[in-house]
């Protein structure tokens, strides 16, 4: 899992504490249990003076990572981590596919807005079409 929009802390132990705090807030487990689930925490990329680097977190279980992604909306209520984004760690091929879907969605939604039609959505890496498109497909 990766976490975006967290300011630089200066040390790995501080990053570990920040990640533990975020996960504790999302999962509502005790601090000791959360720390036991974390295998490794590190920043990715080069330092940039105006923004923090992405934090990559490895857990002892893939299931826990999925659970946290489902519950990540709880961060909105925390003023300190309101802008933090928890996201699945995607491969370069998965990122390419998602960018392609987003470009296609923007193009289709711009055309739909011009014609007064409904917008498309991307859910879990797949394009969800307009209702009008679905009715045409079911007729065939």
C-alpha atoms as a PDB file:
ATOM      1  CA  UNK A   1       0.000   0.000   0.000  1.00  0.00           C
ATOM      2  CA  UNK A   2       1.148   3.573  -0.581  1.00  0.00           C
ATOM      3  CA  UNK A   3       0.201   6.763   1.260  1.00  0.00           C
ATOM      4  CA  UNK A   4       0.289  10.148  -0.466  1.00  0.00           C
ATOM      5  CA  UNK A   5       0.216  13.761   0.812  1.00  0.00           C
ATOM      6  CA  UNK A   6       2.094  13.243   4.078  1.00  0.00           C
ATOM      7  CA  UNK A   7       4.724  15.932   4.791  1.00  0.00           C
ATOM      8  CA  UNK A   8       8.366  14.890   5.219  1.00  0.00           C
ATOM      9  CA  UNK A   9       9.205  14.012   8.826  1.00  0.00           C
ATOM     10  CA  UNK A  10      12.968  13.704   8.532  1.00  0.00           C
ATOM     11  CA  UNK A  11      13.497  10.167   9.808  1.00  0.00           C
ATOM     12  CA  UNK A  12      12.272   6.637   9.209  1.00  0.00           C
ATOM     13  CA  UNK A  13      11.166   6.203  12.811  1.00  0.00           C
ATOM     14  CA  UNK A  14       8.997   9.342  12.550  1.00  0.00           C
ATOM     15  CA  UNK A  15       7.527   8.035   9.270  1.00  0.00           C
ATOM     16  CA  UNK A  16       6.803   4.731  11.010  1.00  0.00           C
ATOM     17  CA  UNK A  17       5.010   6.604  13.826  1.00  0.00           C
ATOM     18  CA  UNK A  18       2.956   8.652  11.333  1.00  0.00           C
ATOM     19  CA  UNK A  19       1.945   5.513   9.426  1.00  0.00           C
ATOM     20  CA  UNK A  20       1.069   3.753  12.680  1.00  0.00           C
ATOM     21  CA  UNK A  21      -1.057   6.731  13.726  1.00  0.00           C
ATOM     22  CA  UNK A  22      -2.887   6.819  10.367  1.00  0.00           C
ATOM     23  CA  UNK A  23      -3.557   3.087  10.383  1.00  0.00           C
ATOM     24  CA  UNK A  24      -4.662   3.159  13.995  1.00  0.00           C
ATOM     25  CA  UNK A  25      -7.158   5.910  13.157  1.00  0.00           C
ATOM     26  CA  UNK A  26      -8.483   4.025  10.124  1.00  0.00           C
ATOM     27  CA  UNK A  27      -8.627   0.551  11.653  1.00  0.00           C
ATOM     28  CA  UNK A  28      -9.454   1.522  15.249  1.00  0.00           C
ATOM     29  CA  UNK A  29      -7.110  -1.198  16.571  1.00  0.00           C
ATOM     30  CA  UNK A  30      -4.692  -0.786  19.457  1.00  0.00           C
ATOM     31  CA  UNK A  31      -1.293   0.694  18.592  1.00  0.00           C
ATOM     32  CA  UNK A  32       0.571  -2.530  19.440  1.00  0.00           C
ATOM     33  CA  UNK A  33      -1.540  -4.614  17.025  1.00  0.00           C
ATOM     34  CA  UNK A  34      -1.043  -2.089  14.219  1.00  0.00           C
ATOM     35  CA  UNK A  35       2.738  -2.014  14.749  1.00  0.00           C
ATOM     36  CA  UNK A  36       2.849  -5.827  14.679  1.00  0.00           C
ATOM     37  CA  UNK A  37       1.174  -5.847  11.239  1.00  0.00           C
ATOM     38  CA  UNK A  38       3.678  -3.423   9.649  1.00  0.00           C
ATOM     39  CA  UNK A  39       6.726  -5.101   8.100  1.00  0.00           C
ATOM     40  CA  UNK A  40       8.432  -2.128   6.436  1.00  0.00           C
ATOM     41  CA  UNK A  41       7.873   1.623   5.916  1.00  0.00           C
ATOM     42  CA  UNK A  42       9.915   3.827   3.573  1.00  0.00           C
ATOM     43  CA  UNK A  43       9.696   6.930   1.373  1.00  0.00           C
ATOM     44  CA  UNK A  44       9.892   6.534  -2.409  1.00  0.00           C
ATOM     45  CA  UNK A  45      11.668   8.860  -4.819  1.00  0.00           C
ATOM     46  CA  UNK A  46      13.850  11.920  -4.354  1.00  0.00           C
ATOM     47  CA  UNK A  47      13.221  14.702  -1.864  1.00  0.00           C
ATOM     48  CA  UNK A  48      11.370  17.718  -3.223  1.00  0.00           C
ATOM     49  CA  UNK A  49      11.312  20.988  -1.243  1.00  0.00           C
ATOM     50  CA  UNK A  50       7.618  21.721  -1.886  1.00  0.00           C
ATOM     51  CA  UNK A  51       5.979  18.337  -1.313  1.00  0.00           C
ATOM     52  CA  UNK A  52       6.377  15.110   0.620  1.00  0.00           C
ATOM     53  CA  UNK A  53       7.380  11.858  -1.003  1.00  0.00           C
ATOM     54  CA  UNK A  54       5.018   8.914  -1.183  1.00  0.00           C
ATOM     55  CA  UNK A  55       5.282   6.462   1.701  1.00  0.00           C
ATOM     56  CA  UNK A  56       5.267   2.756   0.874  1.00  0.00           C
ATOM     57  CA  UNK A  57       4.053   0.361   3.557  1.00  0.00           C
ATOM     58  CA  UNK A  58       4.471  -3.426   3.581  1.00  0.00           C
ATOM     59  CA  UNK A  59       2.215  -5.511   5.833  1.00  0.00           C
ATOM     60  CA  UNK A  60       2.420  -9.108   6.951  1.00  0.00           C
ATOM     61  CA  UNK A  61      -0.953  -9.716   5.261  1.00  0.00           C
ATOM     62  CA  UNK A  62      -2.478  -8.567   1.960  1.00  0.00           C
ATOM     63  CA  UNK A  63      -5.924  -8.833   3.566  1.00  0.00           C
ATOM     64  CA  UNK A  64      -5.079  -6.103   6.074  1.00  0.00           C
ATOM     65  CA  UNK A  65      -4.027  -3.781   3.253  1.00  0.00           C
ATOM     66  CA  UNK A  66      -7.387  -4.334   1.504  1.00  0.00           C
ATOM     67  CA  UNK A  67      -9.236  -3.751   4.776  1.00  0.00           C
ATOM     68  CA  UNK A  68      -7.440  -0.418   5.263  1.00  0.00           C
ATOM     69  CA  UNK A  69      -8.266   0.702   1.723  1.00  0.00           C
ATOM     70  CA  UNK A  70     -11.948   0.003   2.379  1.00  0.00           C
ATOM     71  CA  UNK A  71     -11.888   1.986   5.649  1.00  0.00           C
ATOM     72  CA  UNK A  72      -9.692   4.861   4.402  1.00  0.00           C
ATOM     73  CA  UNK A  73     -12.659   7.239   4.214  1.00  0.00           C
ATOM     74  CA  UNK A  74     -12.396   7.529   8.018  1.00  0.00           C
ATOM     75  CA  UNK A  75      -9.353   9.791   7.528  1.00  0.00           C
ATOM     76  CA  UNK A  76     -11.635  12.618   6.385  1.00  0.00           C
ATOM     77  CA  UNK A  77     -12.736  13.158   9.988  1.00  0.00           C
ATOM     78  CA  UNK A  78      -9.111  13.571  11.165  1.00  0.00           C
ATOM     79  CA  UNK A  79      -7.902  17.161  10.646  1.00  0.00           C
ATOM     80  CA  UNK A  80      -4.225  16.127  10.635  1.00  0.00           C
ATOM     81  CA  UNK A  81      -4.606  13.467   7.914  1.00  0.00           C
ATOM     82  CA  UNK A  82      -7.550  14.897   5.982  1.00  0.00           C
ATOM     83  CA  UNK A  83      -5.537  15.195   2.738  1.00  0.00           C
ATOM     84  CA  UNK A  84      -3.788  11.817   3.101  1.00  0.00           C
ATOM     85  CA  UNK A  85      -4.639   9.284   0.399  1.00  0.00           C
ATOM     86  CA  UNK A  86      -4.293   5.534   0.907  1.00  0.00           C
ATOM     87  CA  UNK A  87      -3.952   3.633  -2.342  1.00  0.00           C
ATOM     88  CA  UNK A  88      -3.120   0.155  -3.570  1.00  0.00           C
ATOM     89  CA  UNK A  89       0.472  -0.113  -4.775  1.00  0.00           C
ATOM     90  CA  UNK A  90       0.017  -0.542  -8.528  1.00  0.00           C
ATOM     91  CA  UNK A  91       2.483  -1.981 -11.032  1.00  0.00           C
ATOM     92  CA  UNK A  92       3.556   0.207 -13.951  1.00  0.00           C
ATOM     93  CA  UNK A  93       1.232  -1.759 -16.258  1.00  0.00           C
ATOM     94  CA  UNK A  94      -1.719  -1.246 -13.906  1.00  0.00           C
ATOM     95  CA  UNK A  95      -0.948   2.511 -13.670  1.00  0.00           C
ATOM     96  CA  UNK A  96      -0.766   2.700 -17.491  1.00  0.00           C
ATOM     97  CA  UNK A  97      -4.138   0.928 -17.827  1.00  0.00           C
ATOM     98  CA  UNK A  98      -5.749   3.216 -15.235  1.00  0.00           C
ATOM     99  CA  UNK A  99      -4.393   6.384 -16.935  1.00  0.00           C
ATOM    100  CA  UNK A 100      -5.763   5.094 -20.249  1.00  0.00           C
ATOM    101  CA  UNK A 101      -9.193   4.537 -18.676  1.00  0.00           C
ATOM    102  CA  UNK A 102      -9.163   8.024 -17.148  1.00  0.00           C
ATOM    103  CA  UNK A 103      -8.314   9.637 -20.508  1.00  0.00           C
ATOM    104  CA  UNK A 104     -11.079   7.651 -22.217  1.00  0.00           C
ATOM    105  CA  UNK A 105     -13.551   8.570 -19.466  1.00  0.00           C
ATOM    106  CA  UNK A 106     -12.740  12.282 -19.746  1.00  0.00           C
ATOM    107  CA  UNK A 107     -13.201  12.180 -23.510  1.00  0.00           C
ATOM    108  CA  UNK A 108     -16.520  10.315 -23.275  1.00  0.00           C
ATOM    109  CA  UNK A 109     -17.800  12.547 -20.462  1.00  0.00           C
ATOM    110  CA  UNK A 110     -16.944  15.708 -22.426  1.00  0.00           C
ATOM    111  CA  UNK A 111     -18.909  14.338 -25.378  1.00  0.00           C
ATOM    112  CA  UNK A 112     -21.770  13.306 -23.076  1.00  0.00           C
ATOM    113  CA  UNK A 113     -21.908  16.777 -21.494  1.00  0.00           C
ATOM    114  CA  UNK A 114     -22.197  18.342 -24.941  1.00  0.00           C
ATOM    115  CA  UNK A 115     -25.095  16.013 -25.792  1.00  0.00           C
ATOM    116  CA  UNK A 116     -26.798  16.297 -22.384  1.00  0.00           C
ATOM    117  CA  UNK A 117     -26.174  12.636 -21.512  1.00  0.00           C
ATOM    118  CA  UNK A 118     -25.052  10.944 -18.286  1.00  0.00           C
ATOM    119  CA  UNK A 119     -21.391  10.577 -17.327  1.00  0.00           C
ATOM    120  CA  UNK A 120     -19.267   7.414 -17.213  1.00  0.00           C
ATOM    121  CA  UNK A 121     -17.528   6.182 -14.067  1.00  0.00           C
ATOM    122  CA  UNK A 122     -14.380   4.159 -13.361  1.00  0.00           C
ATOM    123  CA  UNK A 123     -14.861   1.707 -10.522  1.00  0.00           C
ATOM    124  CA  UNK A 124     -12.149  -0.730  -9.413  1.00  0.00           C
ATOM    125  CA  UNK A 125     -10.189  -0.264 -12.623  1.00  0.00           C
ATOM    126  CA  UNK A 126     -13.109  -0.911 -14.963  1.00  0.00           C
ATOM    127  CA  UNK A 127     -15.240   1.473 -17.017  1.00  0.00           C
ATOM    128  CA  UNK A 128     -18.869   1.636 -15.921  1.00  0.00           C
ATOM    129  CA  UNK A 129     -20.894   2.862 -18.890  1.00  0.00           C
ATOM    130  CA  UNK A 130     -23.921   5.121 -19.048  1.00  0.00           C
ATOM    131  CA  UNK A 131     -27.373   3.632 -18.513  1.00  0.00           C
ATOM    132  CA  UNK A 132     -28.244   4.385 -22.132  1.00  0.00           C
ATOM    133  CA  UNK A 133     -25.241   2.289 -23.301  1.00  0.00           C
ATOM    134  CA  UNK A 134     -26.289  -0.600 -21.072  1.00  0.00           C
ATOM    135  CA  UNK A 135     -29.828  -0.710 -22.481  1.00  0.00           C
ATOM    136  CA  UNK A 136     -28.440  -0.860 -26.043  1.00  0.00           C
ATOM    137  CA  UNK A 137     -26.100  -3.732 -25.086  1.00  0.00           C
ATOM    138  CA  UNK A 138     -28.915  -5.733 -23.441  1.00  0.00           C
ATOM    139  CA  UNK A 139     -31.060  -5.505 -26.591  1.00  0.00           C
ATOM    140  CA  UNK A 140     -28.413  -7.357 -28.650  1.00  0.00           C
END
